[in-house]
Amino acid sequence: MAPPANRRPGFSRRAQYSLFTGYVVAALGAVLGAGLLILSLIKPDAFAGLRGAASDVAAPVGETGAVGRTESQGIFEYLAGYIRAGSKNAQLREEMELARIRLAEAQAIEQENKRLKALLALDDGGTPPVARARLIGSTSSSTRRIAYISVGANDGIRVGMPVRSPRGLIGRVLETGAESARVLLLTDGESIVPVRRAKDNVVAFAEGRSDGTLRLRLVNLGINPLQRGDVFVTSGAGGLFQPGVTVAVVSEITKDGAIGRLLSDPAATDFVVVDPIWQPEAVAVANAPPKDPVP
């Protein structure tokens, strides 16, 4: 059975005193609180000292909490910054890689433009070329030194026509197809070109050695006047090659001449021009079969 809501202390004095004391304390608390409230409204700075003392007591606890809060925020910010920095670094590395690729492409285009301009400069003065072509391939493992160009008989190319790059003579047309042609390079063992030293009239024959170099064999034997660094050009003898086209530079002196390094390396050449035979009549006479003697 539930106890009644309104309990009486009965006739116990102890219980009566406790109840009375509670009422008195509550009344005094109410009066004290009302007095403090009125005092705080009338004179707000009356409790400044008490508030300061309470603040001083709570300051160490608040400082500890603030330090912990700041350090935790610093840790979170550090972790977030590390994550952001990692993704940013990856993005920057990707952008740098793309920039390097674009730079390499720009440099390749610049070199291509230089080669094309040099090729166009070949038309300045002299006999105009028969055709311009791209060097599309060459032999690498064979003992023969043959190259292939992207023009042929349909473009007016004929056997024997000289082929040159902006740096000098490459060789001569060996065979022609309709849209392509084979070129006998100067370094082939079957190639012989009449040359002279550029600074004077020391004449020689440039013979291919099938190893990327030329043998410069002097026509007039005697004291060898050649020196390392001498440049040789075509002499025009025989009528096939027009005179003055650069061929080789002396790299080694021999007893009867020198070993020359080709100035126009086919491996580093993209574009060439095909020139007409300089003196076709002279070439025709030289290649004509001997006539039978008159009885």
Protein backbone atom coordinates (compact mmCIF):
# COMPACT_ATOMS: atom_id res chain seq x y z
CA MET A 1 0.00 0.00 0.00
CA ALA A 2 1.45 3.43 -1.07
CA PRO A 3 2.27 5.94 1.71
CA PRO A 4 0.06 9.05 1.86
CA ALA A 5 1.23 12.13 -0.04
CA ASN A 6 0.85 14.49 2.97
CA ARG A 7 2.94 12.99 5.72
CA ARG A 8 2.95 14.53 9.13
CA PRO A 9 6.04 14.45 11.38
CA GLY A 10 3.89 13.10 14.14
CA PHE A 11 4.75 13.83 17.72
CA SER A 12 8.56 13.35 17.25
CA ARG A 13 10.38 16.49 18.31
CA ARG A 14 13.43 15.52 16.30
CA ALA A 15 11.42 15.30 13.16
CA GLN A 16 9.66 18.56 13.93
CA TYR A 17 12.97 20.36 14.52
CA SER A 18 14.42 19.03 11.27
CA LEU A 19 11.43 20.17 9.30
CA PHE A 20 11.44 23.56 10.98
CA THR A 21 15.19 23.94 10.35
CA GLY A 22 14.70 23.14 6.67
CA TYR A 23 12.04 25.79 6.38
CA VAL A 24 14.23 28.34 8.14
CA VAL A 25 17.27 27.57 5.93
CA ALA A 26 15.16 27.79 2.80
CA ALA A 27 13.71 31.09 3.90
CA LEU A 28 17.13 32.48 4.79
CA GLY A 29 18.50 31.28 1.43
CA ALA A 30 15.67 32.96 -0.40
CA VAL A 31 16.17 36.17 1.53
CA LEU A 32 19.96 36.04 0.95
CA GLY A 33 19.56 35.36 -2.74
CA ALA A 34 17.05 38.20 -3.10
CA GLY A 35 19.39 40.52 -1.22
CA LEU A 36 22.38 39.56 -3.40
CA LEU A 37 20.29 40.00 -6.53
CA ILE A 38 19.15 43.45 -5.42
CA LEU A 39 22.72 44.37 -4.47
CA SER A 40 24.05 43.21 -7.85
CA LEU A 41 21.45 45.30 -9.62
CA ILE A 42 22.12 48.40 -7.50
CA LYS A 43 25.92 48.04 -7.40
CA PRO A 44 27.23 45.69 -10.16
CA ASP A 45 30.90 45.94 -9.16
CA ALA A 46 30.28 44.82 -5.58
CA PHE A 47 31.14 41.18 -6.40
CA ALA A 48 34.11 41.90 -8.67
CA GLY A 49 36.53 40.52 -6.09
CA LEU A 50 34.56 37.33 -5.67
CA ARG A 51 34.28 36.87 -9.42
CA GLY A 52 38.02 37.47 -9.78
CA ALA A 53 38.81 34.92 -7.06
CA ALA A 54 36.51 32.37 -8.69
CA SER A 55 38.14 33.06 -12.07
CA ASP A 56 41.60 32.56 -10.54
CA VAL A 57 40.53 29.24 -9.05
CA ALA A 58 39.10 28.03 -12.39
CA ALA A 59 41.99 29.42 -14.55
CA PRO A 60 44.34 26.35 -14.27
CA VAL A 61 41.54 23.97 -15.24
CA GLY A 62 40.50 26.20 -18.16
CA GLU A 63 44.10 26.60 -19.29
CA THR A 64 44.61 22.86 -19.29
CA GLY A 65 41.46 22.39 -21.32
CA ALA A 66 42.47 25.14 -23.76
CA VAL A 67 45.92 23.61 -24.27
CA GLY A 68 44.41 20.22 -24.93
CA ARG A 69 41.86 21.72 -27.32
CA THR A 70 44.54 23.70 -29.17
CA GLU A 71 46.87 20.72 -29.45
CA SER A 72 44.08 18.49 -30.69
CA GLN A 73 43.12 21.12 -33.25
CA GLY A 74 46.81 21.41 -34.25
CA ILE A 75 47.07 17.65 -34.74
CA PHE A 76 43.93 17.57 -36.86
CA GLU A 77 45.12 20.55 -38.89
CA TYR A 78 48.54 18.93 -39.34
CA LEU A 79 46.98 15.68 -40.55
CA ALA A 80 44.63 17.56 -42.85
CA GLY A 81 47.52 19.68 -44.15
CA TYR A 82 49.62 16.57 -44.75
CA ILE A 83 46.82 14.97 -46.73
CA ARG A 84 46.25 18.17 -48.72
CA ALA A 85 50.01 18.55 -49.31
CA GLY A 86 50.29 14.98 -50.59
CA SER A 87 47.51 15.43 -53.11
CA LYS A 88 48.89 18.85 -54.07
CA ASN A 89 52.39 17.42 -54.60
CA ALA A 90 50.99 14.65 -56.77
CA GLN A 91 49.12 17.23 -58.82
CA LEU A 92 52.25 19.38 -59.16
CA ARG A 93 54.32 16.36 -60.23
CA GLU A 94 51.75 15.53 -62.88
CA GLU A 95 51.71 19.13 -64.10
CA MET A 96 55.53 19.19 -64.24
CA GLU A 97 55.58 15.94 -66.21
CA LEU A 98 53.05 17.35 -68.67
CA ALA A 99 55.09 20.55 -68.91
CA ARG A 100 58.25 18.54 -69.73
CA ILE A 101 56.35 16.64 -72.42
CA ARG A 102 55.03 19.88 -73.93
CA LEU A 103 58.55 21.37 -73.80
CA ALA A 104 60.00 18.35 -75.61
CA GLU A 105 57.27 18.58 -78.24
CA ALA A 106 57.93 22.31 -78.69
CA GLN A 107 61.66 21.67 -79.07
CA ALA A 108 60.98 18.94 -81.65
CA ILE A 109 58.73 21.32 -83.60
CA GLU A 110 61.40 24.02 -83.41
CA GLN A 111 64.03 21.64 -84.78
CA GLU A 112 61.63 20.53 -87.51
CA ASN A 113 61.06 24.15 -88.51
CA LYS A 114 64.81 24.77 -88.62
CA ARG A 115 65.32 21.78 -90.90
CA LEU A 116 62.51 22.90 -93.20
CA LYS A 117 63.91 26.43 -93.36
CA ALA A 118 67.36 25.05 -94.13
CA LEU A 119 65.83 22.91 -96.86
CA LEU A 120 64.12 25.93 -98.39
CA ALA A 121 67.42 27.80 -98.25
CA LEU A 122 68.90 25.23 -100.64
CA ASP A 123 67.02 26.94 -103.47
CA ASP A 124 68.92 30.21 -103.02
CA GLY A 125 70.93 30.66 -106.20
CA GLY A 126 72.22 28.00 -108.57
CA THR A 127 70.13 25.45 -110.39
CA PRO A 128 66.69 24.79 -108.86
CA PRO A 129 66.24 21.23 -107.53
CA VAL A 130 64.15 18.65 -109.31
CA ALA A 131 62.23 17.65 -106.18
CA ARG A 132 62.22 17.79 -102.41
CA ALA A 133 61.86 14.56 -100.50
CA ARG A 134 61.92 12.91 -97.12
CA LEU A 135 64.63 10.39 -96.34
CA ILE A 136 62.41 7.46 -95.39
CA GLY A 137 64.96 4.76 -94.61
CA SER A 138 68.43 3.36 -95.02
CA THR A 139 70.29 0.07 -94.70
CA SER A 140 71.75 -0.62 -91.26
CA SER A 141 73.03 -4.20 -91.28
CA SER A 142 74.06 -4.62 -94.90
CA THR A 143 77.56 -3.89 -96.18
CA ARG A 144 75.97 -1.64 -98.80
CA ARG A 145 75.07 1.91 -97.85
CA ILE A 146 71.70 2.58 -99.46
CA ALA A 147 68.98 5.08 -98.54
CA TYR A 148 65.40 5.51 -99.73
CA ILE A 149 63.62 8.75 -100.58
CA SER A 150 59.92 9.51 -100.98
CA VAL A 151 60.01 10.66 -104.63
CA GLY A 152 60.43 8.67 -107.81
CA ALA A 153 60.07 8.64 -111.57
CA ASN A 154 56.65 10.29 -111.40
CA ASP A 155 58.36 13.30 -109.81
CA GLY A 156 61.02 13.56 -112.51
CA ILE A 157 63.72 11.62 -110.67
CA ARG A 158 66.31 9.90 -112.87
CA VAL A 159 69.24 7.62 -112.19
CA GLY A 160 72.45 9.50 -111.35
CA MET A 161 70.85 12.66 -109.95
CA PRO A 162 72.69 14.04 -106.88
CA VAL A 163 70.94 14.03 -103.52
CA ARG A 164 71.93 16.54 -100.85
CA SER A 165 70.81 17.89 -97.49
CA PRO A 166 71.32 21.36 -95.98
CA ARG A 167 74.72 20.18 -94.69
CA GLY A 168 76.06 18.75 -97.92
CA LEU A 169 76.05 15.90 -100.40
CA ILE A 170 74.31 12.64 -99.43
CA GLY A 171 74.81 10.52 -102.55
CA ARG A 172 73.23 9.92 -105.95
CA VAL A 173 70.11 8.18 -107.23
CA LEU A 174 70.83 4.52 -107.93
CA GLU A 175 67.39 3.19 -108.94
CA THR A 176 63.95 4.75 -109.34
CA GLY A 177 60.45 3.51 -108.75
CA ALA A 178 57.23 5.30 -109.52
CA GLU A 179 56.92 6.95 -106.07
CA SER A 180 60.31 6.26 -104.43
CA ALA A 181 63.97 5.89 -105.27
CA ARG A 182 67.12 4.23 -103.94
CA VAL A 183 70.10 6.42 -103.19
CA LEU A 184 73.72 5.24 -103.23
CA LEU A 185 75.25 6.97 -100.21
CA LEU A 186 78.73 8.48 -100.34
CA THR A 187 79.97 5.99 -97.75
CA ASP A 188 79.12 2.97 -99.90
CA GLY A 189 82.11 1.03 -101.21
CA GLU A 190 80.98 1.61 -104.83
CA SER A 191 80.74 5.41 -104.45
CA ILE A 192 83.47 7.64 -105.91
CA VAL A 193 83.12 11.45 -106.02
CA PRO A 194 85.67 13.91 -107.47
CA VAL A 195 86.44 16.51 -104.76
CA ARG A 196 88.85 19.34 -104.01
CA ARG A 197 89.98 21.09 -100.88
CA ALA A 198 87.74 24.08 -100.27
CA LYS A 199 90.53 26.62 -99.69
CA ASP A 200 92.59 25.72 -102.79
CA ASN A 201 92.72 23.36 -105.76
CA VAL A 202 94.12 20.23 -104.12
CA VAL A 203 92.05 17.57 -105.89
CA ALA A 204 91.21 14.06 -104.75
CA PHE A 205 88.66 11.29 -105.00
CA ALA A 206 86.28 10.63 -102.11
CA GLU A 207 85.77 6.87 -101.94
CA GLY A 208 83.29 5.18 -99.62
CA ARG A 209 84.65 2.75 -97.04
CA SER A 210 81.30 1.17 -95.99
CA ASP A 211 81.96 2.13 -92.37
CA GLY A 212 80.54 5.64 -92.31
CA THR A 213 83.77 7.35 -93.41
CA LEU A 214 85.40 8.34 -96.72
CA ARG A 215 88.86 7.75 -98.06
CA LEU A 216 90.26 10.94 -99.63
CA ARG A 217 92.78 9.72 -102.20
CA LEU A 218 94.97 12.45 -103.70
CA VAL A 219 95.28 12.63 -107.45
CA ASN A 220 98.78 14.13 -107.38
CA LEU A 221 101.02 12.03 -105.18
CA GLY A 222 104.01 13.48 -103.40
CA ILE A 223 104.19 15.46 -100.18
CA ASN A 224 100.83 15.15 -98.49
CA PRO A 225 99.54 18.74 -97.98
CA LEU A 226 96.39 17.74 -96.09
CA GLN A 227 95.72 18.63 -92.47
CA ARG A 228 93.09 17.61 -89.99
CA GLY A 229 90.06 19.86 -90.28
CA ASP A 230 90.41 20.48 -94.04
CA VAL A 231 87.01 20.63 -95.74
CA PHE A 232 86.47 19.01 -99.13
CA VAL A 233 83.77 19.97 -101.64
CA THR A 234 82.73 18.59 -105.00
CA SER A 235 85.04 19.66 -107.83
CA GLY A 236 82.56 19.32 -110.70
CA ALA A 237 84.83 16.95 -112.62
CA GLY A 238 82.91 14.37 -114.65
CA GLY A 239 79.82 16.59 -114.90
CA LEU A 240 77.65 14.61 -112.43
CA PHE A 241 77.85 16.81 -109.30
CA GLN A 242 77.80 20.59 -109.46
CA PRO A 243 80.97 22.10 -107.91
CA GLY A 244 81.16 23.57 -104.44
CA VAL A 245 78.87 21.21 -102.50
CA THR A 246 80.41 20.20 -99.14
CA VAL A 247 81.34 16.54 -98.79
CA ALA A 248 83.69 15.73 -95.89
CA VAL A 249 86.16 17.05 -93.33
CA VAL A 250 89.57 15.44 -92.76
CA SER A 251 89.78 13.49 -89.50
CA GLU A 252 92.92 11.37 -90.08
CA ILE A 253 95.99 11.73 -92.33
CA THR A 254 97.22 8.78 -94.44
CA LYS A 255 100.19 8.31 -96.78
CA ASP A 256 98.25 8.97 -99.97
CA GLY A 257 95.59 11.30 -98.60
CA ALA A 258 93.32 11.19 -95.58
CA ILE A 259 90.27 9.67 -93.94
CA GLY A 260 87.29 12.01 -94.00
CA ARG A 261 84.17 12.28 -91.87
CA LEU A 262 80.96 12.85 -93.79
CA LEU A 263 79.55 16.31 -93.12
CA SER A 264 75.96 15.36 -93.98
CA ASP A 265 75.13 12.33 -91.86
CA PRO A 266 72.15 10.47 -93.39
CA ALA A 267 71.15 9.14 -89.96
CA ALA A 268 70.55 12.71 -88.78
CA THR A 269 68.84 13.88 -91.97
CA ASP A 270 65.08 14.10 -92.48
CA PHE A 271 64.68 16.10 -95.68
CA VAL A 272 66.75 16.20 -98.87
CA VAL A 273 66.58 17.71 -102.33
CA VAL A 274 67.32 15.99 -105.60
CA ASP A 275 69.37 18.11 -108.01
CA PRO A 276 69.59 17.66 -111.77
CA ILE A 277 72.75 16.25 -113.25
CA TRP A 278 75.08 19.23 -113.58
CA GLN A 279 76.42 18.50 -117.10
CA PRO A 280 74.30 15.71 -118.60
CA GLU A 281 76.17 15.87 -121.92
CA ALA A 282 79.50 15.20 -120.26
CA VAL A 283 78.00 12.34 -118.27
CA ALA A 284 76.46 10.87 -121.40
CA VAL A 285 79.80 11.02 -123.20
CA ALA A 286 81.60 9.44 -120.25
CA ASN A 287 79.06 6.61 -120.00
CA ALA A 288 78.84 5.99 -123.75
CA PRO A 289 80.24 2.62 -124.92
CA PRO A 290 83.50 2.83 -126.80
CA LYS A 291 83.21 3.05 -130.55
CA ASP A 292 84.69 0.37 -132.75
CA PRO A 293 87.91 1.52 -134.41
CA VAL A 294 87.60 2.48 -138.06
CA PRO A 295 89.39 -0.12 -140.20
